[in-house]
């Protein structure tokens, strides 16, 4: 269809400089009725969830806030605890919404404070390593839990939670262990399917990536939503000494954060068209560099402190390489000074406190970058 436009007549014999010709054409299109000049469509938005153990409560809270504001991501990439939250958000189990899945993880991952004060260890997440006996131990535990009608993974109140946790603790204490003769003290409990629907993951509306370190080939490996199973998640979260390295198709895998604690590679490897990246780096130097308060806290700090430098260096390298090409939005998590000594606790109160701090950080990030996130 042709549109009649008012055009200024000029003599054909006069030559017009190229720059002036371009300007004339721009003016022409602007003056044409029904014609609009608009900016190109915005590029894709990506979310990056980093490693950090219980500090994942921060990014879960921030993601809840962004979800509440209607922010949608085209690509989500995670490392370690970030990978678990990535999958819970993208493909929640049990008919939950993404927000409900995150709230479930926050509410049920930690241990009751009264128990945690006496035994500062999350036996709900980390259980005994029994080598070849693991499958038998898991079946026995599952059977024993099902025989107790009072036990629930989703307690209705604080007393019910305490009872359920004490019953679980009594059972996991009786499970066999090969720790003195094995490569790790413990293993991650096989409960990921309670949180994540792995069968439906391939249908998630996002492109999803998690990482792991291939210790056989000595390189970082990225798994996408068509590949990811519970074994791949465990592989990318297997810290040396804490968990055994996972074998998949003849190769052994360990914690991906040893090389890339923010998994930038997972985002950019196949998506050069990404315009805006939201980064949730929960490994904050000022919050983690402190004296240890007990033996378990010492272990946590010995694991997390090296990841701080990895995360900071990854951010600096990314900003130097992509400055001016992409929007990098960094969530700022400010933990109050009085809470810093407990920020690495696996207790119920800490998870909820970190969730609230993260939620406020998410709201602030949205308010400051609404144009890019809407």
Protein backbone atom coordinates (compact mmCIF):
# COMPACT_ATOMS: atom_id res chain seq x y z
CA UNK A 1 0.00 0.00 0.00
CA UNK A 2 1.34 3.42 -0.92
CA UNK A 3 0.81 6.48 1.26
CA UNK A 4 0.65 9.95 -0.24
CA UNK A 5 3.02 12.30 1.56
CA UNK A 6 3.66 16.02 1.16
CA UNK A 7 7.07 16.18 -0.51
CA UNK A 8 9.02 19.31 -1.13
CA UNK A 9 9.81 19.67 -4.84
CA UNK A 10 13.45 20.15 -5.79
CA UNK A 11 15.17 20.61 -9.11
CA UNK A 12 16.47 17.32 -10.53
CA UNK A 13 19.55 19.04 -11.79
CA UNK A 14 20.79 19.96 -8.35
CA UNK A 15 23.05 17.41 -6.62
CA UNK A 16 22.31 16.87 -2.92
CA UNK A 17 25.00 15.79 -0.43
CA UNK A 18 24.53 12.27 0.98
CA UNK A 19 24.14 13.45 4.59
CA UNK A 20 21.48 15.95 3.55
CA UNK A 21 19.68 13.27 1.53
CA UNK A 22 19.49 11.03 4.60
CA UNK A 23 18.06 13.88 6.66
CA UNK A 24 15.48 14.59 3.96
CA UNK A 25 14.39 10.96 3.97
CA UNK A 26 14.03 10.96 7.77
CA UNK A 27 11.88 14.07 7.60
CA UNK A 28 9.85 12.48 4.82
CA UNK A 29 8.99 9.38 6.86
CA UNK A 30 8.12 11.45 9.90
CA UNK A 31 5.73 13.59 7.87
CA UNK A 32 4.02 10.58 6.25
CA UNK A 33 0.64 9.81 7.77
CA UNK A 34 0.36 6.38 9.34
CA UNK A 35 4.13 5.92 9.49
CA UNK A 36 5.89 5.71 12.91
CA UNK A 37 9.56 5.44 13.68
CA UNK A 38 10.15 3.39 16.84
CA UNK A 39 13.11 1.89 18.64
CA UNK A 40 14.05 -1.69 17.95
CA UNK A 41 12.45 -4.32 20.15
CA UNK A 42 14.24 -4.81 23.44
CA UNK A 43 16.59 -7.77 23.67
CA UNK A 44 16.12 -10.68 26.01
CA UNK A 45 16.34 -10.46 29.79
CA UNK A 46 18.40 -12.97 31.74
CA UNK A 47 18.62 -13.82 35.44
CA UNK A 48 21.77 -15.11 37.07
CA UNK A 49 21.54 -16.79 40.51
CA UNK A 50 24.87 -17.36 42.22
CA UNK A 51 26.27 -19.81 44.75
CA UNK A 52 26.19 -19.25 48.49
CA UNK A 53 24.52 -22.02 50.52
CA UNK A 54 21.97 -20.64 53.00
CA UNK A 55 22.59 -17.15 51.61
CA UNK A 56 20.38 -18.35 48.78
CA UNK A 57 17.57 -17.01 50.95
CA UNK A 58 18.59 -13.57 49.74
CA UNK A 59 18.15 -14.34 46.06
CA UNK A 60 14.96 -16.32 46.71
CA UNK A 61 13.48 -13.25 48.41
CA UNK A 62 14.63 -10.94 45.62
CA UNK A 63 13.17 -13.25 42.97
CA UNK A 64 9.85 -13.33 44.84
CA UNK A 65 9.77 -9.52 44.72
CA UNK A 66 10.55 -9.42 40.98
CA UNK A 67 7.94 -12.10 40.30
CA UNK A 68 5.43 -10.04 42.26
CA UNK A 69 6.17 -7.08 39.99
CA UNK A 70 5.55 -9.19 36.91
CA UNK A 71 9.17 -9.34 35.72
CA UNK A 72 9.67 -12.14 33.20
CA UNK A 73 13.03 -13.60 32.20
CA UNK A 74 13.88 -15.30 28.93
CA UNK A 75 16.98 -17.06 30.28
CA UNK A 76 17.81 -18.19 33.83
CA UNK A 77 21.21 -19.53 34.83
CA UNK A 78 22.35 -20.81 38.21
CA UNK A 79 25.31 -22.22 40.11
CA UNK A 80 25.13 -24.46 43.21
CA UNK A 81 22.24 -23.20 45.40
CA UNK A 82 21.42 -20.83 42.56
CA UNK A 83 20.83 -23.82 40.30
CA UNK A 84 18.35 -25.34 42.75
CA UNK A 85 16.43 -22.06 43.00
CA UNK A 86 16.55 -21.68 39.21
CA UNK A 87 14.88 -25.06 38.73
CA UNK A 88 12.38 -24.60 41.58
CA UNK A 89 11.28 -21.30 40.06
CA UNK A 90 11.15 -22.58 36.47
CA UNK A 91 9.53 -25.96 37.13
CA UNK A 92 8.01 -26.21 40.62
CA UNK A 93 6.76 -29.56 41.90
CA UNK A 94 3.53 -30.35 43.72
CA UNK A 95 1.37 -27.99 41.69
CA UNK A 96 3.00 -24.95 43.28
CA UNK A 97 3.46 -21.61 41.56
CA UNK A 98 7.04 -20.34 41.13
CA UNK A 99 6.59 -18.03 44.11
CA UNK A 100 5.09 -20.81 46.24
CA UNK A 101 8.05 -23.05 45.37
CA UNK A 102 10.51 -20.41 46.54
CA UNK A 103 8.54 -19.79 49.74
CA UNK A 104 8.43 -23.56 50.33
CA UNK A 105 12.22 -23.80 49.96
CA UNK A 106 12.72 -20.89 52.36
CA UNK A 107 10.33 -22.29 54.95
CA UNK A 108 11.34 -25.94 54.88
CA UNK A 109 15.08 -26.03 54.22
CA UNK A 110 16.24 -24.68 57.56
CA UNK A 111 16.28 -26.43 60.95
CA UNK A 112 14.25 -25.26 63.95
CA UNK A 113 16.26 -22.77 65.98
CA UNK A 114 15.97 -24.74 69.20
CA UNK A 115 17.57 -27.75 67.48
CA UNK A 116 20.10 -25.74 65.51
CA UNK A 117 21.49 -24.13 68.66
CA UNK A 118 22.34 -27.57 70.04
CA UNK A 119 23.32 -29.16 66.72
CA UNK A 120 24.37 -26.49 64.18
CA UNK A 121 24.10 -28.77 61.17
CA UNK A 122 21.34 -29.10 58.58
CA UNK A 123 20.57 -32.84 58.61
CA UNK A 124 17.60 -32.14 56.30
CA UNK A 125 19.99 -31.13 53.49
CA UNK A 126 23.15 -33.12 54.30
CA UNK A 127 22.93 -36.77 55.32
CA UNK A 128 25.40 -39.61 55.86
CA UNK A 129 27.42 -40.92 52.97
CA UNK A 130 27.04 -44.70 52.81
CA UNK A 131 28.53 -45.48 49.42
CA UNK A 132 26.92 -48.54 47.83
CA UNK A 133 24.44 -48.67 50.70
CA UNK A 134 22.91 -45.29 49.85
CA UNK A 135 19.96 -46.67 47.82
CA UNK A 136 19.04 -49.11 50.61
CA UNK A 137 19.40 -46.41 53.27
CA UNK A 138 17.21 -44.04 51.26
CA UNK A 139 14.47 -46.65 50.84
CA UNK A 140 14.57 -47.49 54.55
CA UNK A 141 14.33 -43.81 55.50
CA UNK A 142 11.45 -43.22 53.09
CA UNK A 143 9.59 -46.22 54.51
CA UNK A 144 10.11 -45.18 58.13
CA UNK A 145 8.90 -41.65 57.43
CA UNK A 146 5.78 -42.93 55.68
CA UNK A 147 4.90 -45.18 58.66
CA UNK A 148 4.66 -42.21 61.03
CA UNK A 149 1.37 -40.35 60.42
CA UNK A 150 2.53 -37.46 62.59
CA UNK A 151 5.61 -36.74 60.50
CA UNK A 152 5.37 -34.15 57.74
CA UNK A 153 7.83 -32.41 55.45
CA UNK A 154 5.40 -29.48 55.53
CA UNK A 155 4.60 -28.97 59.24
CA UNK A 156 1.57 -26.89 60.20
CA UNK A 157 3.21 -25.03 63.10
CA UNK A 158 6.43 -24.68 65.10
CA UNK A 159 5.69 -27.61 67.44
CA UNK A 160 4.84 -29.88 64.53
CA UNK A 161 8.07 -28.81 62.82
CA UNK A 162 10.13 -29.60 65.91
CA UNK A 163 8.53 -33.03 66.29
CA UNK A 164 9.03 -33.88 62.60
CA UNK A 165 12.65 -32.75 62.67
CA UNK A 166 13.45 -34.68 65.84
CA UNK A 167 11.93 -37.81 64.32
CA UNK A 168 13.92 -37.30 61.10
CA UNK A 169 17.10 -36.68 63.10
CA UNK A 170 16.63 -39.92 65.06
CA UNK A 171 16.34 -41.84 61.79
CA UNK A 172 19.24 -40.26 59.90
CA UNK A 173 21.43 -40.82 62.98
CA UNK A 174 20.87 -44.56 62.58
CA UNK A 175 21.75 -44.63 58.88
CA UNK A 176 25.06 -46.30 57.92
CA UNK A 177 28.15 -44.28 57.06
CA UNK A 178 31.35 -44.98 55.15
CA UNK A 179 32.81 -41.54 55.95
CA UNK A 180 36.11 -42.74 57.51
CA UNK A 181 36.84 -44.77 54.36
CA UNK A 182 35.20 -42.56 51.74
CA UNK A 183 36.03 -39.26 50.01
CA UNK A 184 33.36 -37.18 51.76
CA UNK A 185 31.77 -36.68 55.14
CA UNK A 186 28.21 -36.51 53.85
CA UNK A 187 25.99 -36.22 50.78
CA UNK A 188 23.07 -34.08 49.72
CA UNK A 189 19.77 -35.65 50.78
CA UNK A 190 17.73 -37.06 47.87
CA UNK A 191 14.79 -34.69 48.25
CA UNK A 192 15.08 -32.48 45.15
CA UNK A 193 11.96 -34.00 43.57
CA UNK A 194 9.88 -32.58 46.42
CA UNK A 195 10.83 -29.12 45.18
CA UNK A 196 11.43 -29.53 41.44
CA UNK A 197 9.33 -31.18 38.72
CA UNK A 198 12.12 -32.63 36.57
CA UNK A 199 9.70 -34.29 34.14
CA UNK A 200 8.16 -30.94 33.22
CA UNK A 201 11.43 -29.00 33.17
CA UNK A 202 11.82 -29.26 29.40
CA UNK A 203 8.49 -27.43 29.01
CA UNK A 204 9.54 -24.44 31.12
CA UNK A 205 8.99 -21.08 29.36
CA UNK A 206 12.60 -20.07 30.03
CA UNK A 207 15.91 -21.28 28.68
CA UNK A 208 17.62 -22.78 31.72
CA UNK A 209 21.27 -23.54 32.44
CA UNK A 210 23.20 -24.89 35.42
CA UNK A 211 26.90 -25.64 35.65
CA UNK A 212 29.25 -28.26 37.05
CA UNK A 213 32.99 -28.85 37.00
CA UNK A 214 33.97 -31.87 34.92
CA UNK A 215 36.92 -33.17 36.95
CA UNK A 216 37.58 -35.87 34.34
CA UNK A 217 38.09 -33.42 31.47
CA UNK A 218 39.09 -30.55 33.81
CA UNK A 219 36.62 -28.01 32.46
CA UNK A 220 33.36 -26.27 33.30
CA UNK A 221 30.28 -27.86 31.72
CA UNK A 222 26.85 -26.33 31.12
CA UNK A 223 23.65 -28.42 31.26
CA UNK A 224 20.40 -27.16 29.73
CA UNK A 225 16.77 -27.94 30.59
CA UNK A 226 16.65 -30.88 28.20
CA UNK A 227 19.56 -32.57 29.97
CA UNK A 228 19.04 -31.76 33.64
CA UNK A 229 18.13 -34.55 36.07
CA UNK A 230 18.56 -34.73 39.86
CA UNK A 231 22.04 -36.20 39.25
CA UNK A 232 23.10 -33.11 37.27
CA UNK A 233 21.95 -30.81 40.08
CA UNK A 234 23.83 -32.87 42.66
CA UNK A 235 26.87 -32.90 40.38
CA UNK A 236 26.99 -29.11 40.26
CA UNK A 237 26.64 -28.85 44.05
CA UNK A 238 29.18 -31.48 45.11
CA UNK A 239 31.77 -29.73 47.24
CA UNK A 240 34.93 -31.74 47.86
CA UNK A 241 35.10 -33.21 51.38
CA UNK A 242 31.41 -32.39 52.00
CA UNK A 243 29.83 -34.43 49.19
CA UNK A 244 31.03 -37.20 46.88
CA UNK A 245 31.62 -36.26 43.26
CA UNK A 246 28.82 -37.40 40.97
CA UNK A 247 29.46 -39.84 38.12
CA UNK A 248 27.46 -39.26 34.93
CA UNK A 249 28.17 -41.24 31.76
CA UNK A 250 31.63 -42.26 32.95
CA UNK A 251 32.72 -38.75 33.97
CA UNK A 252 32.99 -37.26 37.46
CA UNK A 253 31.58 -33.86 38.31
CA UNK A 254 31.99 -31.44 41.22
CA UNK A 255 30.81 -28.02 42.35
CA UNK A 256 30.66 -25.67 39.36
CA UNK A 257 31.39 -22.64 41.55
CA UNK A 258 35.02 -23.70 41.87
CA UNK A 259 35.43 -22.16 38.41
CA UNK A 260 32.34 -20.02 37.81
CA UNK A 261 30.28 -19.14 40.89
CA UNK A 262 27.96 -16.88 38.87
CA UNK A 263 27.64 -19.03 35.72
CA UNK A 264 28.01 -16.21 33.19
CA UNK A 265 28.96 -18.85 30.65
CA UNK A 266 25.57 -20.46 31.05
CA UNK A 267 23.87 -17.22 30.06
CA UNK A 268 26.05 -16.06 27.18
CA UNK A 269 27.12 -19.34 25.59
CA UNK A 270 24.01 -19.56 23.41
CA UNK A 271 22.35 -16.17 23.85
CA UNK A 272 24.37 -13.34 22.39
CA UNK A 273 21.12 -11.39 21.90
CA UNK A 274 20.64 -10.84 25.64
CA UNK A 275 20.32 -7.15 26.43
CA UNK A 276 19.75 -7.05 30.20
CA UNK A 277 21.24 -9.33 32.84
CA UNK A 278 20.12 -9.31 36.47
CA UNK A 279 22.89 -10.63 38.72
CA UNK A 280 22.33 -11.85 42.26
CA UNK A 281 25.76 -12.22 43.80
CA UNK A 282 25.15 -13.24 47.41
CA UNK A 283 28.82 -13.72 48.30
CA UNK A 284 29.51 -10.38 49.95
CA UNK A 285 33.04 -9.77 51.18
CA UNK A 286 32.09 -7.54 54.12
CA UNK A 287 29.52 -10.05 55.37
CA UNK A 288 31.68 -13.18 55.20
CA UNK A 289 35.11 -11.96 56.28
CA UNK A 290 34.78 -12.35 60.05
CA UNK A 291 35.88 -14.61 62.91
CA UNK A 292 34.18 -18.02 63.04
CA UNK A 293 31.77 -18.63 65.90
CA UNK A 294 31.99 -22.45 66.03
CA UNK A 295 33.46 -25.47 64.22
CA UNK A 296 30.63 -25.71 61.66
CA UNK A 297 30.86 -21.98 60.97
CA UNK A 298 34.59 -22.40 60.39
CA UNK A 299 33.86 -25.08 57.81
CA UNK A 300 31.26 -22.88 56.10
CA UNK A 301 33.65 -19.92 55.92
CA UNK A 302 36.52 -22.07 54.62
CA UNK A 303 34.25 -23.11 51.75
CA UNK A 304 32.63 -19.76 50.96
CA UNK A 305 35.51 -17.29 51.31
CA UNK A 306 37.39 -18.47 48.18
CA UNK A 307 34.18 -18.12 46.15
CA UNK A 308 34.03 -14.40 47.01
CA UNK A 309 37.08 -13.63 44.88
CA UNK A 310 35.83 -15.86 42.05
CA UNK A 311 32.48 -14.04 41.99
CA UNK A 312 34.06 -10.58 42.21
CA UNK A 313 36.54 -11.36 39.43
CA UNK A 314 33.78 -12.78 37.21
CA UNK A 315 31.79 -9.57 37.61
CA UNK A 316 34.79 -7.35 36.87
CA UNK A 317 35.72 -9.34 33.77
CA UNK A 318 32.16 -9.28 32.51
CA UNK A 319 31.82 -5.53 33.01
CA UNK A 320 35.15 -4.87 31.28
CA UNK A 321 34.26 -7.05 28.29
CA UNK A 322 30.64 -6.01 27.83
CA UNK A 323 30.61 -2.40 29.03
CA UNK A 324 28.21 -0.40 26.89
CA UNK A 325 26.91 -3.52 25.14
CA UNK A 326 24.59 -4.93 27.80
CA UNK A 327 22.76 -3.72 30.87
CA UNK A 328 24.14 -5.37 34.01
CA UNK A 329 21.82 -4.91 36.98
CA UNK A 330 23.23 -6.03 40.33
CA UNK A 331 20.97 -6.68 43.31
CA UNK A 332 22.42 -5.09 46.45
CA UNK A 333 21.92 -7.19 49.56
CA UNK A 334 22.56 -5.28 52.80
CA UNK A 335 22.57 -7.57 55.83
CA UNK A 336 22.27 -5.62 59.11
CA UNK A 337 25.45 -5.72 61.16
CA UNK A 338 23.81 -7.58 64.05
CA UNK A 339 22.74 -10.41 61.71
CA UNK A 340 26.06 -10.92 59.94
CA UNK A 341 27.43 -13.53 62.43
CA UNK A 342 24.35 -15.68 61.75
CA UNK A 343 24.06 -15.14 57.98
CA UNK A 344 25.54 -18.56 57.22
CA UNK A 345 23.27 -20.43 59.64
CA UNK A 346 21.02 -23.18 58.29
CA UNK A 347 18.30 -22.24 60.78
CA UNK A 348 14.64 -21.45 60.07
CA UNK A 349 14.94 -17.92 61.46
CA UNK A 350 17.97 -17.12 59.30
CA UNK A 351 16.31 -18.32 56.10
CA UNK A 352 13.26 -16.17 56.81
CA UNK A 353 15.40 -13.17 57.75
CA UNK A 354 17.45 -13.46 54.56
CA UNK A 355 14.25 -13.85 52.55
CA UNK A 356 12.95 -10.52 53.87
CA UNK A 357 16.26 -8.76 53.20
CA UNK A 358 16.31 -10.18 49.68
CA UNK A 359 12.69 -9.19 49.10
CA UNK A 360 13.45 -5.55 49.90
CA UNK A 361 16.52 -5.68 47.66
CA UNK A 362 14.36 -7.03 44.83
CA UNK A 363 11.82 -4.25 45.22
CA UNK A 364 14.60 -1.66 45.18
CA UNK A 365 16.19 -3.19 42.08
CA UNK A 366 12.85 -3.05 40.28
CA UNK A 367 12.13 0.53 41.34
CA UNK A 368 15.52 1.71 40.09
CA UNK A 369 15.37 -0.19 36.79
CA UNK A 370 11.68 -0.38 35.98
CA UNK A 371 12.16 0.69 32.35
CA UNK A 372 14.54 -2.20 31.70
CA UNK A 373 12.64 -4.82 33.67
CA UNK A 374 9.07 -4.08 32.61
